[in-house]
C-alpha cells in the first residue's frame, strides 16, 4: 500500500503547477514542524534532527527560488523572512528547543495561507476552476 501512496504523491508533484509546488513545499515544511512539536525529547532526538533539517532544506529551496528581478520588494522581504526562519530552525536544532519551531511554524503558516489565496485569485482571473 505504501508504494501506491508514493506513486500518487509522485504523480501529484509531476502534474502540479509551479504555484501548487510552492504550496506543497509549505505544506511539507509545516508537517515536519508539527511532527517536531509532537515528538518526545530526548527520546526522539534523531527524528527531530531529521525533520528540522528537512524544514531547513525546504525553506532554503523556497529562498533560492525567489526571483528578485520580477519580485522586487516582495522577494526581498520574503528572503528576509526565510533567513529568519532558517536562523530559528538552526537554533532549535542546536539547542533542542521548541519555541523557535513555533515561531517558524507561525511564519510559514501565514505565508502558506497568503500564497494559497494568491493562487485562488490568480485562477479566478484566468477562469480556471
N, C-alpha and C. Protein backbone atom coordinates (compact mmCIF):
# COMPACT_ATOMS: atom_id res chain seq x y z
N UNK A 1 0.82 -1.19 0.00
CA UNK A 1 0.00 0.00 0.00
C UNK A 1 0.87 1.26 0.00
N UNK A 2 2.03 1.20 0.63
CA UNK A 2 2.91 2.34 0.66
C UNK A 2 3.36 2.75 -0.74
N UNK A 3 3.62 1.78 -1.59
CA UNK A 3 4.05 2.07 -2.96
C UNK A 3 3.01 2.88 -3.69
N UNK A 4 1.74 2.56 -3.46
CA UNK A 4 0.65 3.30 -4.09
C UNK A 4 0.68 4.76 -3.64
N UNK A 5 0.89 4.98 -2.35
CA UNK A 5 0.94 6.34 -1.82
C UNK A 5 2.07 7.14 -2.44
N UNK A 6 3.21 6.52 -2.59
CA UNK A 6 4.36 7.20 -3.20
C UNK A 6 4.09 7.50 -4.68
N UNK A 7 3.45 6.54 -5.36
CA UNK A 7 3.12 6.75 -6.77
C UNK A 7 2.16 7.94 -6.92
N UNK A 8 1.16 7.98 -6.07
CA UNK A 8 0.19 9.09 -6.11
C UNK A 8 0.90 10.41 -5.82
N UNK A 9 1.77 10.41 -4.82
CA UNK A 9 2.50 11.62 -4.46
C UNK A 9 3.41 12.07 -5.59
N UNK A 10 4.10 11.14 -6.22
CA UNK A 10 4.98 11.46 -7.34
C UNK A 10 4.17 12.04 -8.49
N UNK A 11 3.04 11.43 -8.78
CA UNK A 11 2.18 11.92 -9.86
C UNK A 11 1.65 13.32 -9.54
N UNK A 12 1.29 13.56 -8.29
CA UNK A 12 0.79 14.88 -7.91
C UNK A 12 1.86 15.95 -8.11
N UNK A 13 3.09 15.64 -7.76
CA UNK A 13 4.19 16.59 -7.93
C UNK A 13 4.47 16.83 -9.41
N UNK A 14 4.47 15.75 -10.20
CA UNK A 14 4.79 15.88 -11.62
C UNK A 14 3.74 16.65 -12.40
N UNK A 15 2.50 16.65 -11.94
CA UNK A 15 1.43 17.34 -12.67
C UNK A 15 1.07 18.68 -12.06
N UNK A 16 1.72 19.06 -10.99
CA UNK A 16 1.41 20.32 -10.30
C UNK A 16 1.97 21.52 -11.05
N UNK A 17 1.26 22.62 -10.93
CA UNK A 17 1.76 23.88 -11.47
C UNK A 17 2.85 24.40 -10.55
N UNK A 18 3.66 25.35 -11.00
CA UNK A 18 4.67 25.93 -10.11
C UNK A 18 4.06 26.49 -8.82
N UNK A 19 2.90 27.11 -8.93
CA UNK A 19 2.24 27.66 -7.74
C UNK A 19 1.84 26.55 -6.78
N UNK A 20 1.34 25.44 -7.31
CA UNK A 20 0.95 24.31 -6.48
C UNK A 20 2.18 23.66 -5.83
N UNK A 21 3.30 23.65 -6.54
CA UNK A 21 4.52 23.10 -5.97
C UNK A 21 4.97 23.91 -4.75
N UNK A 22 4.84 25.22 -4.83
CA UNK A 22 5.19 26.06 -3.68
C UNK A 22 4.29 25.72 -2.50
N UNK A 23 2.99 25.55 -2.75
CA UNK A 23 2.07 25.15 -1.68
C UNK A 23 2.49 23.81 -1.07
N UNK A 24 2.88 22.88 -1.93
CA UNK A 24 3.33 21.56 -1.44
C UNK A 24 4.57 21.70 -0.56
N UNK A 25 5.47 22.58 -0.94
CA UNK A 25 6.67 22.79 -0.12
C UNK A 25 6.30 23.37 1.25
N UNK A 26 5.43 24.39 1.24
CA UNK A 26 4.98 24.93 2.53
C UNK A 26 4.32 23.85 3.37
N UNK A 27 3.44 23.06 2.75
CA UNK A 27 2.73 22.02 3.50
C UNK A 27 3.70 21.00 4.09
N UNK A 28 4.71 20.61 3.33
CA UNK A 28 5.67 19.61 3.84
C UNK A 28 6.52 20.18 4.96
N UNK A 29 6.93 21.43 4.83
CA UNK A 29 7.69 22.06 5.91
C UNK A 29 6.85 22.16 7.18
N UNK A 30 5.59 22.56 7.02
CA UNK A 30 4.70 22.67 8.17
C UNK A 30 4.45 21.31 8.81
N UNK A 31 4.32 20.29 7.99
CA UNK A 31 4.14 18.93 8.50
C UNK A 31 5.35 18.53 9.35
N UNK A 32 6.54 18.81 8.88
CA UNK A 32 7.75 18.49 9.64
C UNK A 32 7.78 19.22 10.97
N UNK A 33 7.39 20.49 10.97
CA UNK A 33 7.43 21.28 12.20
C UNK A 33 6.40 20.78 13.21
N UNK A 34 5.23 20.40 12.75
CA UNK A 34 4.21 19.85 13.66
C UNK A 34 4.71 18.54 14.25
N UNK A 35 5.35 17.72 13.43
CA UNK A 35 5.88 16.45 13.93
C UNK A 35 6.96 16.68 14.98
N UNK A 36 7.79 17.70 14.77
CA UNK A 36 8.81 18.04 15.77
C UNK A 36 8.15 18.45 17.07
N UNK A 37 7.10 19.27 16.97
CA UNK A 37 6.43 19.74 18.18
C UNK A 37 5.75 18.59 18.93
N UNK A 38 5.37 17.54 18.24
CA UNK A 38 4.71 16.41 18.87
C UNK A 38 5.69 15.34 19.36
N UNK A 39 6.94 15.48 19.00
CA UNK A 39 7.95 14.47 19.38
C UNK A 39 8.31 14.60 20.85
N UNK A 40 8.85 13.53 21.37
CA UNK A 40 9.32 13.50 22.76
C UNK A 40 10.83 13.64 22.78
N UNK A 41 11.28 14.67 23.45
CA UNK A 41 12.72 14.84 23.62
C UNK A 41 13.10 14.32 24.98
N UNK A 42 14.20 13.69 25.17
CA UNK A 42 15.29 13.41 24.24
C UNK A 42 15.14 12.10 23.48
N UNK A 43 14.05 11.36 23.70
CA UNK A 43 13.90 10.04 23.07
C UNK A 43 13.94 10.11 21.54
N UNK A 44 13.31 11.11 20.96
CA UNK A 44 13.18 11.22 19.51
C UNK A 44 14.20 12.18 18.89
N UNK A 45 15.36 12.27 19.49
CA UNK A 45 16.36 13.23 19.07
C UNK A 45 16.73 13.10 17.59
N UNK A 46 16.94 11.88 17.12
CA UNK A 46 17.31 11.67 15.72
C UNK A 46 16.17 12.09 14.78
N UNK A 47 14.95 11.74 15.14
CA UNK A 47 13.78 12.12 14.34
C UNK A 47 13.63 13.64 14.29
N UNK A 48 13.76 14.29 15.43
CA UNK A 48 13.64 15.76 15.50
C UNK A 48 14.71 16.41 14.63
N UNK A 49 15.93 15.93 14.73
CA UNK A 49 17.03 16.46 13.91
C UNK A 49 16.71 16.32 12.42
N UNK A 50 16.24 15.15 12.01
CA UNK A 50 15.93 14.90 10.60
C UNK A 50 14.79 15.82 10.10
N UNK A 51 13.76 15.98 10.89
CA UNK A 51 12.62 16.81 10.47
C UNK A 51 12.98 18.30 10.47
N UNK A 52 13.80 18.72 11.41
CA UNK A 52 14.25 20.12 11.40
C UNK A 52 15.14 20.39 10.19
N UNK A 53 16.00 19.44 9.86
CA UNK A 53 16.83 19.60 8.67
C UNK A 53 15.99 19.60 7.40
N UNK A 54 14.94 18.78 7.37
CA UNK A 54 14.04 18.76 6.21
C UNK A 54 13.38 20.13 6.05
N UNK A 55 12.90 20.70 7.16
CA UNK A 55 12.29 22.03 7.11
C UNK A 55 13.30 23.07 6.65
N UNK A 56 14.54 22.97 7.13
CA UNK A 56 15.59 23.90 6.69
C UNK A 56 15.83 23.78 5.19
N UNK A 57 15.89 22.56 4.69
CA UNK A 57 16.10 22.34 3.26
C UNK A 57 14.98 22.96 2.43
N UNK A 58 13.75 22.81 2.90
CA UNK A 58 12.60 23.36 2.17
C UNK A 58 12.64 24.88 2.18
N UNK A 59 12.90 25.46 3.32
CA UNK A 59 12.98 26.93 3.40
C UNK A 59 14.12 27.44 2.52
N UNK A 60 15.22 26.73 2.50
CA UNK A 60 16.34 27.10 1.62
C UNK A 60 15.90 27.06 0.16
N UNK A 61 15.18 26.02 -0.24
CA UNK A 61 14.69 25.91 -1.62
C UNK A 61 13.74 27.06 -1.95
N UNK A 62 12.85 27.38 -1.03
CA UNK A 62 11.93 28.50 -1.26
C UNK A 62 12.70 29.81 -1.43
N UNK A 63 13.72 29.97 -0.63
CA UNK A 63 14.54 31.19 -0.71
C UNK A 63 15.32 31.26 -2.02
N UNK A 64 15.88 30.13 -2.45
CA UNK A 64 16.65 30.10 -3.69
C UNK A 64 15.77 30.31 -4.92
N UNK A 65 14.49 29.98 -4.81
CA UNK A 65 13.57 30.10 -5.93
C UNK A 65 13.06 31.53 -6.14
N UNK A 66 13.37 32.42 -5.22
CA UNK A 66 12.89 33.80 -5.35
C UNK A 66 13.47 34.47 -6.58
N UNK A 67 12.64 35.20 -7.28
CA UNK A 67 13.05 35.97 -8.47
C UNK A 67 13.07 37.44 -8.07
N UNK A 68 14.27 37.95 -7.79
CA UNK A 68 14.39 39.32 -7.30
C UNK A 68 14.11 40.35 -8.38
N UNK A 69 14.30 39.99 -9.64
CA UNK A 69 14.00 40.92 -10.73
C UNK A 69 12.50 41.17 -10.83
N UNK A 70 11.74 40.10 -10.88
CA UNK A 70 10.29 40.24 -11.00
C UNK A 70 9.63 40.49 -9.66
N UNK A 71 10.18 39.95 -8.60
CA UNK A 71 9.56 40.04 -7.28
C UNK A 71 9.83 41.32 -6.54
N UNK A 72 10.92 41.99 -6.89
CA UNK A 72 11.24 43.28 -6.28
C UNK A 72 11.25 43.25 -4.77
N UNK A 73 10.53 44.19 -4.19
CA UNK A 73 10.49 44.36 -2.73
C UNK A 73 9.91 43.13 -2.04
N UNK A 74 8.90 42.53 -2.65
CA UNK A 74 8.29 41.35 -2.03
C UNK A 74 9.30 40.21 -1.94
N UNK A 75 10.07 40.00 -2.99
CA UNK A 75 11.08 38.94 -2.97
C UNK A 75 12.13 39.24 -1.89
N UNK A 76 12.51 40.49 -1.76
CA UNK A 76 13.49 40.87 -0.73
C UNK A 76 12.93 40.62 0.66
N UNK A 77 11.67 40.96 0.86
CA UNK A 77 11.05 40.73 2.18
C UNK A 77 10.90 39.24 2.47
N UNK A 78 10.52 38.48 1.45
CA UNK A 78 10.42 37.03 1.64
C UNK A 78 11.78 36.42 1.96
N UNK A 79 12.82 36.90 1.28
CA UNK A 79 14.16 36.41 1.56
C UNK A 79 14.55 36.66 3.01
N UNK A 80 14.20 37.82 3.51
CA UNK A 80 14.48 38.14 4.92
C UNK A 80 13.70 37.22 5.86
N UNK A 81 12.43 36.99 5.55
CA UNK A 81 11.62 36.09 6.38
C UNK A 81 12.19 34.67 6.35
N UNK A 82 12.56 34.21 5.16
CA UNK A 82 13.15 32.88 5.05
C UNK A 82 14.47 32.81 5.83
N UNK A 83 15.27 33.87 5.77
CA UNK A 83 16.51 33.91 6.53
C UNK A 83 16.26 33.82 8.03
N UNK A 84 15.25 34.54 8.49
CA UNK A 84 14.85 34.47 9.90
C UNK A 84 14.46 33.04 10.26
N UNK A 85 13.65 32.43 9.41
CA UNK A 85 13.19 31.05 9.66
C UNK A 85 14.38 30.09 9.73
N UNK A 86 15.32 30.24 8.81
CA UNK A 86 16.49 29.36 8.82
C UNK A 86 17.30 29.52 10.11
N UNK A 87 17.49 30.76 10.54
CA UNK A 87 18.24 31.00 11.78
C UNK A 87 17.55 30.35 12.97
N UNK A 88 16.22 30.49 13.03
CA UNK A 88 15.47 29.93 14.15
C UNK A 88 15.45 28.39 14.11
N UNK A 89 15.38 27.83 12.91
CA UNK A 89 15.41 26.37 12.80
C UNK A 89 16.75 25.81 13.23
N UNK A 90 17.80 26.47 12.86
CA UNK A 90 19.14 26.04 13.27
C UNK A 90 19.27 26.15 14.79
N UNK A 91 18.79 27.25 15.33
CA UNK A 91 18.83 27.43 16.79
C UNK A 91 18.03 26.34 17.50
N UNK A 92 16.85 26.05 16.97
CA UNK A 92 16.01 25.00 17.57
C UNK A 92 16.73 23.66 17.55
N UNK A 93 17.43 23.38 16.46
CA UNK A 93 18.11 22.09 16.34
C UNK A 93 19.33 22.02 17.24
N UNK A 94 20.06 23.08 17.32
CA UNK A 94 21.27 23.09 18.16
C UNK A 94 20.90 23.01 19.64
N UNK A 95 19.90 23.80 20.04
CA UNK A 95 19.53 23.87 21.45
C UNK A 95 18.44 22.89 21.86
N UNK A 96 17.84 22.23 20.86
CA UNK A 96 16.74 21.29 21.10
C UNK A 96 15.62 21.99 21.89
N UNK A 97 15.23 23.16 21.38
CA UNK A 97 14.16 23.96 21.96
C UNK A 97 13.00 24.06 20.98
N UNK A 98 11.79 24.12 21.51
CA UNK A 98 10.61 24.16 20.65
C UNK A 98 10.07 25.56 20.38
N UNK A 99 10.45 26.55 21.19
CA UNK A 99 9.94 27.91 20.96
C UNK A 99 10.29 28.41 19.55
N UNK A 100 11.52 28.25 19.09
CA UNK A 100 11.82 28.71 17.73
C UNK A 100 11.02 27.96 16.66
N UNK A 101 10.70 26.70 16.93
CA UNK A 101 9.92 25.90 15.97
C UNK A 101 8.54 26.51 15.82
N UNK A 102 7.93 26.91 16.93
CA UNK A 102 6.59 27.52 16.87
C UNK A 102 6.65 28.86 16.13
N UNK A 103 7.70 29.63 16.33
CA UNK A 103 7.84 30.90 15.61
C UNK A 103 7.88 30.65 14.11
N UNK A 104 8.68 29.70 13.69
CA UNK A 104 8.82 29.39 12.26
C UNK A 104 7.51 28.82 11.72
N UNK A 105 6.88 27.95 12.46
CA UNK A 105 5.60 27.38 12.03
C UNK A 105 4.58 28.49 11.79
N UNK A 106 4.55 29.46 12.69
CA UNK A 106 3.61 30.57 12.56
C UNK A 106 3.90 31.40 11.31
N UNK A 107 5.17 31.70 11.05
CA UNK A 107 5.55 32.48 9.87
C UNK A 107 5.20 31.72 8.60
N UNK A 108 5.59 30.45 8.54
CA UNK A 108 5.34 29.66 7.33
C UNK A 108 3.85 29.43 7.10
N UNK A 109 3.09 29.25 8.16
CA UNK A 109 1.64 29.06 8.01
C UNK A 109 1.01 30.33 7.42
N UNK A 110 1.45 31.49 7.88
CA UNK A 110 0.94 32.74 7.34
C UNK A 110 1.30 32.92 5.87
N UNK A 111 2.54 32.60 5.54
CA UNK A 111 2.98 32.70 4.14
C UNK A 111 2.24 31.69 3.27
N UNK A 112 2.03 30.50 3.77
CA UNK A 112 1.33 29.46 3.03
C UNK A 112 -0.11 29.90 2.73
N UNK A 113 -0.78 30.45 3.75
CA UNK A 113 -2.16 30.90 3.57
C UNK A 113 -2.24 32.05 2.57
N UNK A 114 -1.30 32.97 2.66
CA UNK A 114 -1.28 34.10 1.72
C UNK A 114 -1.03 33.60 0.30
N UNK A 115 -0.12 32.64 0.15
CA UNK A 115 0.18 32.08 -1.17
C UNK A 115 -1.04 31.36 -1.73
N UNK A 116 -1.72 30.60 -0.88
CA UNK A 116 -2.92 29.88 -1.30
C UNK A 116 -3.98 30.87 -1.80
N UNK A 117 -4.18 31.96 -1.08
CA UNK A 117 -5.16 32.96 -1.50
C UNK A 117 -4.76 33.61 -2.82
N UNK A 118 -3.48 33.88 -2.98
CA UNK A 118 -3.00 34.47 -4.24
C UNK A 118 -3.24 33.50 -5.40
N UNK A 119 -3.03 32.22 -5.17
CA UNK A 119 -3.26 31.22 -6.22
C UNK A 119 -4.74 31.15 -6.58
N UNK A 120 -5.61 31.21 -5.59
CA UNK A 120 -7.05 31.18 -5.85
C UNK A 120 -7.46 32.39 -6.68
N UNK A 121 -6.96 33.57 -6.31
CA UNK A 121 -7.30 34.79 -7.06
C UNK A 121 -6.76 34.71 -8.48
N UNK A 122 -5.57 34.19 -8.63
CA UNK A 122 -4.97 34.06 -9.96
C UNK A 122 -5.79 33.13 -10.84
N UNK A 123 -6.22 31.99 -10.25
CA UNK A 123 -7.05 31.05 -11.01
C UNK A 123 -8.38 31.68 -11.41
N UNK A 124 -8.95 32.50 -10.53
CA UNK A 124 -10.20 33.16 -10.84
C UNK A 124 -10.03 34.15 -11.98
N UNK A 125 -8.89 34.83 -12.01
CA UNK A 125 -8.64 35.81 -13.05
C UNK A 125 -8.50 35.18 -14.43
N UNK A 126 -7.94 33.97 -14.47
CA UNK A 126 -7.76 33.30 -15.76
C UNK A 126 -8.87 32.31 -16.05
N UNK A 127 -9.87 32.24 -15.16
CA UNK A 127 -11.03 31.42 -15.40
C UNK A 127 -10.85 29.94 -15.21
N UNK A 128 -9.90 29.55 -14.37
CA UNK A 128 -9.68 28.13 -14.09
C UNK A 128 -10.45 27.74 -12.83
N UNK A 129 -10.84 26.48 -12.73
CA UNK A 129 -11.58 26.03 -11.53
C UNK A 129 -10.73 26.03 -10.29
